[in-house]
């Protein structure tokens, strides 16, 4: 008569176990996680900077009053166009050249020449495919004590594909049986 409640409890636990584990689940393939790593490198090439050197022409000196002033030379130099070209950057990233035209003591035309080079040296892509879930079985021991006696119990735990854990424990000293059910709880969405 004392075993009927225990048999009823075990029967209900088996029914709960079968209901939870034998329901068909919707199979949704998980998307693999892709991680891409790109390494960029810059190699600096030696650049030659153009520094314009003005050509000195004597159009009349204030030091020597005896020399005549060449007004025609001064005016032709003022109205003529001088071309200056400067390289601002020349490395593996880009080539930037600035071309200026100077006339009447101002810049009348500026032409920037920009050439960009591809920078990717190595690009690696990792695809992480999630591992398929599988059933696992754990075996272990439990040791405990209450105020009157010690307890020593071998334990078997079964983890299902749905991450539910079922445990069975039998205390060999006090001859007690314990059945446990555990669910995985996650707090993130």
Protein backbone atom coordinates (compact mmCIF):
# COMPACT_ATOMS: atom_id res chain seq x y z
CA UNK A 1 0.00 0.00 0.00
CA UNK A 2 2.93 2.35 0.61
CA UNK A 3 4.30 1.81 -2.90
CA UNK A 4 1.18 2.98 -4.77
CA UNK A 5 1.89 6.74 -4.27
CA UNK A 6 5.51 6.20 -5.35
CA UNK A 7 4.45 4.29 -8.44
CA UNK A 8 1.95 7.03 -9.25
CA UNK A 9 4.64 9.73 -8.90
CA UNK A 10 7.07 7.79 -11.09
CA UNK A 11 4.34 7.19 -13.67
CA UNK A 12 3.50 10.93 -13.79
CA UNK A 13 7.18 11.84 -14.15
CA UNK A 14 7.54 9.40 -17.06
CA UNK A 15 4.45 10.91 -18.71
CA UNK A 16 5.86 14.44 -18.30
CA UNK A 17 9.20 13.29 -19.69
CA UNK A 18 7.59 11.67 -22.73
CA UNK A 19 5.37 14.68 -23.40
CA UNK A 20 8.31 17.08 -23.31
CA UNK A 21 10.73 14.97 -25.32
CA UNK A 22 8.45 13.36 -27.88
CA UNK A 23 6.74 16.49 -29.22
CA UNK A 24 7.76 17.28 -32.80
CA UNK A 25 9.87 20.38 -32.96
CA UNK A 26 10.04 22.81 -35.85
CA UNK A 27 13.45 22.52 -37.43
CA UNK A 28 14.84 25.95 -38.27
CA UNK A 29 18.35 25.87 -39.66
CA UNK A 30 20.49 28.33 -37.81
CA UNK A 31 22.35 30.81 -39.92
CA UNK A 32 26.12 30.44 -39.73
CA UNK A 33 27.92 33.37 -38.19
CA UNK A 34 30.36 35.02 -40.56
CA UNK A 35 33.32 37.03 -39.30
CA UNK A 36 35.52 38.95 -41.73
CA UNK A 37 38.99 40.26 -40.92
CA UNK A 38 40.70 42.73 -43.25
CA UNK A 39 44.32 43.77 -42.80
CA UNK A 40 45.47 46.95 -44.48
CA UNK A 41 49.05 47.97 -44.98
CA UNK A 42 50.74 51.19 -46.01
CA UNK A 43 54.16 51.17 -47.60
CA UNK A 44 55.68 54.61 -47.77
CA UNK A 45 57.56 55.25 -50.97
CA UNK A 46 60.23 57.90 -51.01
CA UNK A 47 58.79 61.08 -52.47
CA UNK A 48 60.63 63.73 -54.34
CA UNK A 49 59.21 67.10 -53.42
CA UNK A 50 59.52 69.71 -56.06
CA UNK A 51 60.62 73.02 -54.66
CA UNK A 52 60.45 75.68 -57.31
CA UNK A 53 63.63 77.67 -57.68
CA UNK A 54 62.99 81.10 -59.07
CA UNK A 55 65.18 82.05 -61.96
CA UNK A 56 66.83 85.32 -61.16
CA UNK A 57 66.90 87.79 -63.97
CA UNK A 58 68.31 91.20 -63.35
CA UNK A 59 65.73 93.70 -64.50
CA UNK A 60 67.40 96.66 -62.95
CA UNK A 61 69.16 96.90 -59.66
CA UNK A 62 68.56 99.42 -56.94
CA UNK A 63 72.09 98.86 -55.72
CA UNK A 64 73.67 100.09 -58.88
CA UNK A 65 72.04 103.23 -60.09
CA UNK A 66 74.13 103.27 -63.16
CA UNK A 67 72.43 100.17 -64.64
CA UNK A 68 69.28 100.85 -66.60
CA UNK A 69 65.96 99.32 -65.50
CA UNK A 70 64.50 96.83 -68.00
CA UNK A 71 60.78 97.58 -67.78
CA UNK A 72 59.91 95.25 -70.62
CA UNK A 73 61.56 92.33 -68.81
CA UNK A 74 59.68 93.14 -65.58
CA UNK A 75 56.32 93.27 -67.38
CA UNK A 76 56.93 90.09 -69.39
CA UNK A 77 57.90 88.25 -66.19
CA UNK A 78 54.78 89.60 -64.44
CA UNK A 79 52.36 88.53 -67.20
CA UNK A 80 54.00 85.21 -68.07
CA UNK A 81 52.65 81.90 -66.75
CA UNK A 82 54.82 79.75 -64.50
CA UNK A 83 53.98 76.11 -63.91
CA UNK A 84 54.71 74.53 -60.48
CA UNK A 85 54.11 70.89 -59.65
CA UNK A 86 54.21 69.49 -56.10
CA UNK A 87 53.80 65.85 -54.97
CA UNK A 88 51.89 65.86 -51.67
CA UNK A 89 51.63 62.10 -51.13
CA UNK A 90 53.22 59.14 -52.86
CA UNK A 91 52.79 55.83 -51.02
CA UNK A 92 50.86 52.59 -51.40
CA UNK A 93 47.57 54.34 -50.55
CA UNK A 94 47.54 57.18 -53.04
CA UNK A 95 49.44 59.45 -55.37
CA UNK A 96 48.46 63.10 -54.96
CA UNK A 97 50.08 65.67 -57.25
CA UNK A 98 49.17 69.36 -57.20
CA UNK A 99 49.88 71.43 -60.33
CA UNK A 100 49.66 75.24 -60.05
CA UNK A 101 49.89 77.89 -62.72
CA UNK A 102 51.02 81.30 -61.42
CA UNK A 103 50.59 84.56 -63.32
CA UNK A 104 50.42 88.19 -62.17
CA UNK A 105 51.52 87.09 -58.67
CA UNK A 106 48.51 84.82 -58.12
CA UNK A 107 47.46 81.27 -58.80
CA UNK A 108 45.33 81.34 -61.95
CA UNK A 109 44.86 77.58 -62.31
CA UNK A 110 45.16 74.65 -59.91
CA UNK A 111 44.88 71.01 -61.01
CA UNK A 112 44.93 68.26 -58.34
CA UNK A 113 45.74 64.81 -59.68
CA UNK A 114 44.56 62.10 -57.22
CA UNK A 115 45.13 58.40 -57.84
CA UNK A 116 43.94 56.00 -55.12
CA UNK A 117 45.37 52.48 -54.89
CA UNK A 118 43.59 49.43 -53.42
CA UNK A 119 44.67 48.82 -49.84
CA UNK A 120 43.50 45.32 -49.00
CA UNK A 121 46.44 43.02 -48.43
CA UNK A 122 44.69 40.01 -46.93
CA UNK A 123 41.03 39.36 -46.29
CA UNK A 124 40.03 36.31 -44.25
CA UNK A 125 36.46 35.11 -43.73
CA UNK A 126 35.56 32.69 -40.95
CA UNK A 127 32.24 30.88 -41.08
CA UNK A 128 31.21 29.42 -37.74
CA UNK A 129 28.60 26.70 -38.13
CA UNK A 130 26.77 25.88 -34.89
CA UNK A 131 27.30 22.35 -33.64
CA UNK A 132 24.21 20.11 -33.75
CA UNK A 133 22.67 19.39 -30.37
CA UNK A 134 22.87 15.85 -29.04
CA UNK A 135 21.73 13.88 -26.01
CA UNK A 136 24.30 13.45 -23.24
CA UNK A 137 24.42 11.37 -20.09
CA UNK A 138 26.31 12.35 -16.92
CA UNK A 139 27.16 10.14 -13.97
CA UNK A 140 28.33 11.43 -10.59
CA UNK A 141 28.16 11.26 -6.81
CA UNK A 142 26.40 13.36 -4.20
CA UNK A 143 27.44 13.55 -0.57
CA UNK A 144 25.32 15.24 2.03
CA UNK A 145 24.53 15.39 5.73
CA UNK A 146 21.52 16.24 7.81
CA UNK A 147 21.55 16.57 11.64
CA UNK A 148 21.05 12.82 12.19
CA UNK A 149 22.95 11.00 9.41
CA UNK A 150 25.18 11.20 6.33
CA UNK A 151 24.08 10.53 2.77
CA UNK A 152 25.98 9.05 -0.17
CA UNK A 153 24.13 8.92 -3.47
CA UNK A 154 25.19 8.00 -7.00
CA UNK A 155 23.49 10.28 -9.54
CA UNK A 156 22.64 9.90 -13.23
CA UNK A 157 21.74 13.01 -15.26
CA UNK A 158 20.37 12.99 -18.79
CA UNK A 159 20.58 16.16 -20.95
CA UNK A 160 18.23 16.16 -23.94
CA UNK A 161 18.57 17.92 -27.29
CA UNK A 162 16.24 20.64 -26.04
CA UNK A 163 18.63 21.41 -23.12
CA UNK A 164 16.35 19.86 -20.50
CA UNK A 165 18.11 17.95 -17.73
CA UNK A 166 16.59 14.99 -15.86
CA UNK A 167 18.31 13.49 -12.86
CA UNK A 168 17.88 10.36 -10.80
CA UNK A 169 19.58 9.96 -7.42
CA UNK A 170 19.54 6.99 -5.04
CA UNK A 171 20.93 7.36 -1.52
CA UNK A 172 22.59 4.05 -0.60
CA UNK A 173 22.80 4.81 3.14
CA UNK A 174 19.25 5.97 3.83
CA UNK A 175 17.67 4.19 0.82
CA UNK A 176 16.00 7.36 -0.57
CA UNK A 177 15.28 8.05 -4.26
CA UNK A 178 15.21 11.51 -5.83
CA UNK A 179 14.09 12.53 -9.31
CA UNK A 180 14.82 16.02 -10.65
CA UNK A 181 13.92 18.02 -13.75
CA UNK A 182 15.90 21.15 -14.79
CA UNK A 183 15.28 23.69 -17.56
CA UNK A 184 17.75 26.04 -19.16
CA UNK A 185 16.91 29.67 -18.49
CA UNK A 186 18.36 32.42 -20.68
CA UNK A 187 17.88 36.11 -19.95
CA UNK A 188 18.85 37.54 -23.33
CA UNK A 189 16.75 37.77 -26.47
